[in-house]
Amino acid sequence: MKHSWLEPIPENLQYTAKAAVSSAFGSTRVSAIAAVFGGASGALTYRIEASDRPYLLRLETRRGPMRNPHQYTCMQISAEAGLAPPVRYADDAAGVSIMDFVVQQPLDQYPDGALGLVKALGELAARLQATAPFPILGDYRVIIQRMLGYLRSAFAPGLLDPHLEVFERIRQAYPWDAASHVSSHNDPNPRNILFDGKRLWLIDWETAYRNDALTDVAILAENHAPSPELVDAILRSWLGREPDPGIRARLLLMRLLTRLYYSGLLLLGVAKPDTPIADLRAPTPDEFRSMIATGRLQPTSTETRTMLCKMLLAGFVEAANKPNFEEALMISQHG
C-alpha cells in the first residue's frame, strides 16, 4: 500500500523514513508532512505530525569519510541533559532521527534583550560542558590548519601568508590541554540555537565532539556579544564568576581561530581551484547587511559566501594588528 505521507521524501530514503516512524510511533499514522529548510549539513528535514503532535524527521544524504561518527551519541547525551529536543528515534547506521519539533521564536525576542540572551547562552554552554564527555574526534587546531590550507589554495599565492603567520603564533601561545577538554557543539551559530518562547535549545550535532572549553563560548561571543559588556556577561554566566585575565586572553585568541574555521566552511564547495580569488576586499558589516536588506545579495549565493569569507579573513588580520592581541599572546603563553 502506498503511504501518501512519504511522497515528499526522495524515493531512495522512503524506506528509511517509514522504518524510523514505525519504530518511533508503532501503528500511529503520520497525518501531515512538510519540508523544513535552512540547515547547511545537506540533511533533509521534515515536520511530521503524529497523534496531533509535531516532530522533526531528519534524514542524512551525505555519508562520506569526513562524516562525524559520533554525532548521534552527542545528540543523545545532549537530549538527555535537556539541551537538545527530546529524541524519539535515532539510527546512526541509517542516518535518521526523529525528535520533538520546536516551534521557534526570533532570538531577538528573548526576555531582557541582548543581555538576557547572552546570559542564557553562557549558561547553555556551561550545562553542555557539564554533561558526560563527548567522544574524542580530532584536534581542533589541526582541523583549522587544514581549513587554512584549503583557503590558501583558493586565494592568490601569498595573499593569506599573514593569516598563516598569525595562526602559528596563536597555536604556539594557546595552552592546549586535551585532558581538560569538554563536550562541545563546535558550531553553535544562530541557526543552531532555537528559542521556543521560554528557553533555548541546541540542534544539529554534526560537528560535536570533545574540544577546548572556550570554543563554543568564542562562537557564541562572535555572534551575540558585539560589545565588551556583553562579552563580560557571557563569560560571567558561563563561568559563574568574574573572568580572570587568562580567560579573557584565551577567548580573544579562540575567537580568531573560529574566524578561520568559518572562513573555510564558507568556501567549501564554492571555491574554484582554477580561478583563485585575487583580493581580500570586503564590505563592512553595516554595508553587508544593507546589501542583504536591499536584495543586492542573496543570502545563500556563492557571491555572498565568498564575501562573508573575505569579511572574516579581514577581521582576523585587523584583530591581530591591535595591541590587545600581543597582550593576549603573552598572557596565554606565560600566564
Foldseek 3Di string as FASTA:
>chain_A
DDQVQLVVPPPVCSVVQVVQCCVLPPPFHWPHKDWDDDDDQQWTWIWIDTPNFTKIKIADDDDDPPWDLQLVVLQCQCVVLVQAFHWRDDDSVRRITMGGDFPFDDLQPPPPGLLNSLLQLLLSLLSQQPTDFFAADDALLVLLVVLVVVLCLQADHPQCPVVVVLSVLLVQQADADQVPWGWDQLDQAVVQWGHRPDHIHGDDRRPIHTYHSLRSVLNCCVHRPPDPVSNQSNVCSNVVHGDDLLVVLNSLSSNLSVLSVLLSVLCVVQGDSVDHHYHLDADDPVVLVVCCVVVVDPCNDSVNSNRSSSNSSVVSVVSCPDPVNVVSSCSSRPD
